[in-house]
Structures are given as structure tokens and as C-alpha cells.
N, C-alpha and C. Protein backbone atom coordinates (compact mmCIF):
# COMPACT_ATOMS: atom_id res chain seq x y z
N UNK A 1 -13.71 2.39 29.90
CA UNK A 1 -12.71 2.82 28.93
C UNK A 1 -13.23 4.07 28.22
N UNK A 2 -12.32 5.00 28.00
CA UNK A 2 -12.66 6.25 27.33
C UNK A 2 -12.44 6.08 25.82
N UNK A 3 -13.52 5.86 25.10
CA UNK A 3 -13.41 5.57 23.66
C UNK A 3 -12.96 6.78 22.86
N UNK A 4 -13.15 7.98 23.38
CA UNK A 4 -12.68 9.16 22.66
C UNK A 4 -11.17 9.14 22.49
N UNK A 5 -10.46 8.54 23.43
CA UNK A 5 -9.00 8.46 23.31
C UNK A 5 -8.57 7.58 22.15
N UNK A 6 -9.45 6.70 21.70
CA UNK A 6 -9.13 5.85 20.55
C UNK A 6 -9.10 6.64 19.24
N UNK A 7 -9.66 7.86 19.22
CA UNK A 7 -9.66 8.68 18.00
C UNK A 7 -8.25 8.99 17.51
N UNK A 8 -7.31 9.03 18.42
CA UNK A 8 -5.96 9.40 18.00
C UNK A 8 -5.34 8.35 17.06
N UNK A 9 -5.76 7.11 17.16
CA UNK A 9 -5.18 6.06 16.30
C UNK A 9 -5.64 6.15 14.86
N UNK A 10 -6.96 6.25 14.58
CA UNK A 10 -7.32 6.44 13.17
C UNK A 10 -6.83 7.79 12.63
N UNK A 11 -6.77 8.81 13.49
CA UNK A 11 -6.25 10.11 13.05
C UNK A 11 -4.80 9.97 12.59
N UNK A 12 -4.01 9.21 13.34
CA UNK A 12 -2.61 9.01 12.98
C UNK A 12 -2.48 8.21 11.68
N UNK A 13 -3.23 7.13 11.55
CA UNK A 13 -3.16 6.29 10.35
C UNK A 13 -3.60 7.08 9.12
N UNK A 14 -4.68 7.82 9.24
CA UNK A 14 -5.16 8.62 8.11
C UNK A 14 -4.16 9.70 7.76
N UNK A 15 -3.51 10.28 8.76
CA UNK A 15 -2.50 11.30 8.50
C UNK A 15 -1.33 10.71 7.72
N UNK A 16 -0.87 9.53 8.11
CA UNK A 16 0.22 8.87 7.39
C UNK A 16 -0.20 8.55 5.96
N UNK A 17 -1.42 8.04 5.79
CA UNK A 17 -1.95 7.76 4.45
C UNK A 17 -2.00 9.02 3.60
N UNK A 18 -2.41 10.13 4.21
CA UNK A 18 -2.51 11.38 3.44
C UNK A 18 -1.14 11.84 2.96
N UNK A 19 -0.13 11.73 3.79
CA UNK A 19 1.23 12.13 3.38
C UNK A 19 1.73 11.21 2.27
N UNK A 20 1.42 9.93 2.38
CA UNK A 20 1.80 8.97 1.34
C UNK A 20 1.17 9.37 0.00
N UNK A 21 -0.13 9.68 0.04
CA UNK A 21 -0.83 10.04 -1.20
C UNK A 21 -0.32 11.36 -1.78
N UNK A 22 0.07 12.28 -0.91
CA UNK A 22 0.54 13.58 -1.38
C UNK A 22 1.86 13.50 -2.15
N UNK A 23 2.57 12.39 -2.02
CA UNK A 23 3.85 12.25 -2.72
C UNK A 23 3.71 11.77 -4.16
N UNK A 24 2.51 11.38 -4.56
CA UNK A 24 2.29 10.87 -5.92
C UNK A 24 2.25 12.00 -6.94
N UNK A 25 2.62 11.67 -8.17
CA UNK A 25 2.53 12.63 -9.28
C UNK A 25 1.09 12.80 -9.75
N UNK A 26 0.29 11.77 -9.56
CA UNK A 26 -1.09 11.79 -10.02
C UNK A 26 -1.89 12.85 -9.26
N UNK A 27 -2.54 13.70 -10.02
CA UNK A 27 -3.36 14.76 -9.42
C UNK A 27 -4.49 14.17 -8.59
N UNK A 28 -5.07 13.08 -9.07
CA UNK A 28 -6.18 12.42 -8.37
C UNK A 28 -5.73 11.91 -7.00
N UNK A 29 -4.57 11.28 -6.95
CA UNK A 29 -4.06 10.75 -5.68
C UNK A 29 -3.67 11.88 -4.73
N UNK A 30 -3.09 12.95 -5.26
CA UNK A 30 -2.75 14.09 -4.40
C UNK A 30 -4.00 14.72 -3.82
N UNK A 31 -5.04 14.83 -4.63
CA UNK A 31 -6.31 15.38 -4.14
C UNK A 31 -6.88 14.49 -3.04
N UNK A 32 -6.81 13.18 -3.23
CA UNK A 32 -7.26 12.25 -2.18
C UNK A 32 -6.42 12.43 -0.92
N UNK A 33 -5.14 12.71 -1.08
CA UNK A 33 -4.28 12.97 0.06
C UNK A 33 -4.70 14.21 0.84
N UNK A 34 -5.07 15.26 0.11
CA UNK A 34 -5.56 16.48 0.78
C UNK A 34 -6.85 16.19 1.55
N UNK A 35 -7.74 15.42 0.95
CA UNK A 35 -8.99 15.09 1.63
C UNK A 35 -8.74 14.24 2.87
N UNK A 36 -7.84 13.28 2.76
CA UNK A 36 -7.48 12.47 3.93
C UNK A 36 -6.86 13.34 5.02
N UNK A 37 -6.04 14.28 4.61
CA UNK A 37 -5.41 15.16 5.58
C UNK A 37 -6.46 16.00 6.31
N UNK A 38 -7.45 16.50 5.59
CA UNK A 38 -8.52 17.26 6.24
C UNK A 38 -9.32 16.40 7.19
N UNK A 39 -9.57 15.15 6.82
CA UNK A 39 -10.27 14.23 7.71
C UNK A 39 -9.43 14.00 8.97
N UNK A 40 -8.14 13.80 8.79
CA UNK A 40 -7.25 13.61 9.93
C UNK A 40 -7.26 14.85 10.83
N UNK A 41 -7.23 16.04 10.23
CA UNK A 41 -7.29 17.26 11.03
C UNK A 41 -8.56 17.31 11.87
N UNK A 42 -9.67 16.91 11.27
CA UNK A 42 -10.93 16.90 12.00
C UNK A 42 -10.92 15.93 13.17
N UNK A 43 -10.36 14.75 12.94
CA UNK A 43 -10.27 13.76 14.02
C UNK A 43 -9.36 14.25 15.15
N UNK A 44 -8.24 14.87 14.79
CA UNK A 44 -7.35 15.40 15.82
C UNK A 44 -8.01 16.52 16.60
N UNK A 45 -8.80 17.34 15.92
CA UNK A 45 -9.51 18.42 16.62
C UNK A 45 -10.51 17.83 17.61
N UNK A 46 -11.25 16.81 17.19
CA UNK A 46 -12.19 16.17 18.11
C UNK A 46 -11.48 15.59 19.32
N UNK A 47 -10.38 14.90 19.08
CA UNK A 47 -9.62 14.33 20.17
C UNK A 47 -9.05 15.43 21.07
N UNK A 48 -8.49 16.46 20.46
CA UNK A 48 -7.92 17.56 21.23
C UNK A 48 -8.94 18.27 22.09
N UNK A 49 -10.15 18.42 21.57
CA UNK A 49 -11.23 19.05 22.34
C UNK A 49 -11.57 18.19 23.55
N UNK A 50 -11.63 16.90 23.33
CA UNK A 50 -11.99 15.97 24.41
C UNK A 50 -10.97 16.00 25.55
N UNK A 51 -9.69 16.05 25.21
CA UNK A 51 -8.65 16.04 26.24
C UNK A 51 -8.16 17.44 26.59
N UNK A 52 -8.81 18.45 26.04
CA UNK A 52 -8.48 19.86 26.27
C UNK A 52 -7.03 20.18 25.90
N UNK A 53 -6.61 19.63 24.77
CA UNK A 53 -5.27 19.90 24.24
C UNK A 53 -5.42 21.02 23.20
N UNK A 54 -5.47 22.24 23.69
CA UNK A 54 -5.78 23.37 22.82
C UNK A 54 -4.67 23.70 21.85
N UNK A 55 -3.44 23.38 22.19
CA UNK A 55 -2.34 23.57 21.23
C UNK A 55 -2.50 22.63 20.04
N UNK A 56 -2.96 21.41 20.29
CA UNK A 56 -3.21 20.45 19.21
C UNK A 56 -4.31 20.98 18.30
N UNK A 57 -5.35 21.54 18.91
CA UNK A 57 -6.45 22.10 18.12
C UNK A 57 -5.95 23.24 17.25
N UNK A 58 -5.16 24.14 17.84
CA UNK A 58 -4.59 25.25 17.07
C UNK A 58 -3.72 24.77 15.92
N UNK A 59 -2.90 23.78 16.19
CA UNK A 59 -2.04 23.21 15.14
C UNK A 59 -2.88 22.62 14.02
N UNK A 60 -3.91 21.88 14.35
CA UNK A 60 -4.73 21.22 13.34
C UNK A 60 -5.52 22.23 12.51
N UNK A 61 -5.97 23.31 13.14
CA UNK A 61 -6.66 24.37 12.38
C UNK A 61 -5.67 25.01 11.40
N UNK A 62 -4.45 25.26 11.86
CA UNK A 62 -3.43 25.84 10.96
C UNK A 62 -3.10 24.88 9.82
N UNK A 63 -2.94 23.60 10.13
CA UNK A 63 -2.64 22.62 9.08
C UNK A 63 -3.80 22.46 8.10
N UNK A 64 -5.03 22.49 8.60
CA UNK A 64 -6.19 22.42 7.71
C UNK A 64 -6.22 23.62 6.77
N UNK A 65 -5.90 24.79 7.30
CA UNK A 65 -5.84 26.00 6.47
C UNK A 65 -4.79 25.85 5.38
N UNK A 66 -3.63 25.32 5.74
CA UNK A 66 -2.58 25.08 4.74
C UNK A 66 -3.01 24.03 3.71
N UNK A 67 -3.76 23.03 4.15
CA UNK A 67 -4.26 22.01 3.22
C UNK A 67 -5.22 22.62 2.21
N UNK A 68 -6.11 23.48 2.69
CA UNK A 68 -7.06 24.13 1.77
C UNK A 68 -6.29 25.00 0.79
N UNK A 69 -5.28 25.72 1.27
CA UNK A 69 -4.45 26.54 0.38
C UNK A 69 -3.74 25.66 -0.65
N UNK A 70 -3.26 24.51 -0.21
CA UNK A 70 -2.59 23.59 -1.13
C UNK A 70 -3.52 23.06 -2.20
N UNK A 71 -4.76 22.76 -1.84
CA UNK A 71 -5.73 22.29 -2.83
C UNK A 71 -6.01 23.38 -3.86
N UNK A 72 -6.15 24.61 -3.39
CA UNK A 72 -6.41 25.73 -4.33
C UNK A 72 -5.24 25.96 -5.27
N UNK A 73 -4.02 25.83 -4.75
CA UNK A 73 -2.85 26.08 -5.59
C UNK A 73 -2.62 24.96 -6.61
N UNK A 74 -3.09 23.74 -6.34
CA UNK A 74 -2.89 22.66 -7.28
C UNK A 74 -3.98 22.58 -8.35
N UNK A 75 -5.04 23.35 -8.17
CA UNK A 75 -6.12 23.32 -9.16
C UNK A 75 -5.94 24.31 -10.22
């Protein structure tokens, strides 16, 4: 069994959790959402590299960049 393929499941769950947290009014919870989103981006990049899904890697790099921009704008 290829265990690297299992990375997509925690990446998906963490991504959903991050979006959930980003909807809160609390600054602390939104910040946790941004951090979860960055973790999810990292997991998707690892998975994408393993399966050579370069479009997924490009998307995740772009989303991570937007997440960093979002953290800066909320501070």
C-alpha cells in the first residue's frame, strides 16, 4: 500500500477545519484557521509532489500565498 496517498485525507479534513475556523468573528480562531490552512497547503504539496500533480502544487502555493496575505491584512 502506498501510504503517501493517505496524505490527501488529513489534508482534506484540515482544509475543511480551516475554512470553518475562518468564519468565526474571534481573531484567535481566524488566526488558527489560517495556520490550519497553511498546514493543509503543505500536506497537499507533499501529496502532489508524490503523485506528480504539478497543477495541485501550483494551486497550493498560490493559496498559501493568499493565506499569508490574509494573515497580514488581519493583523
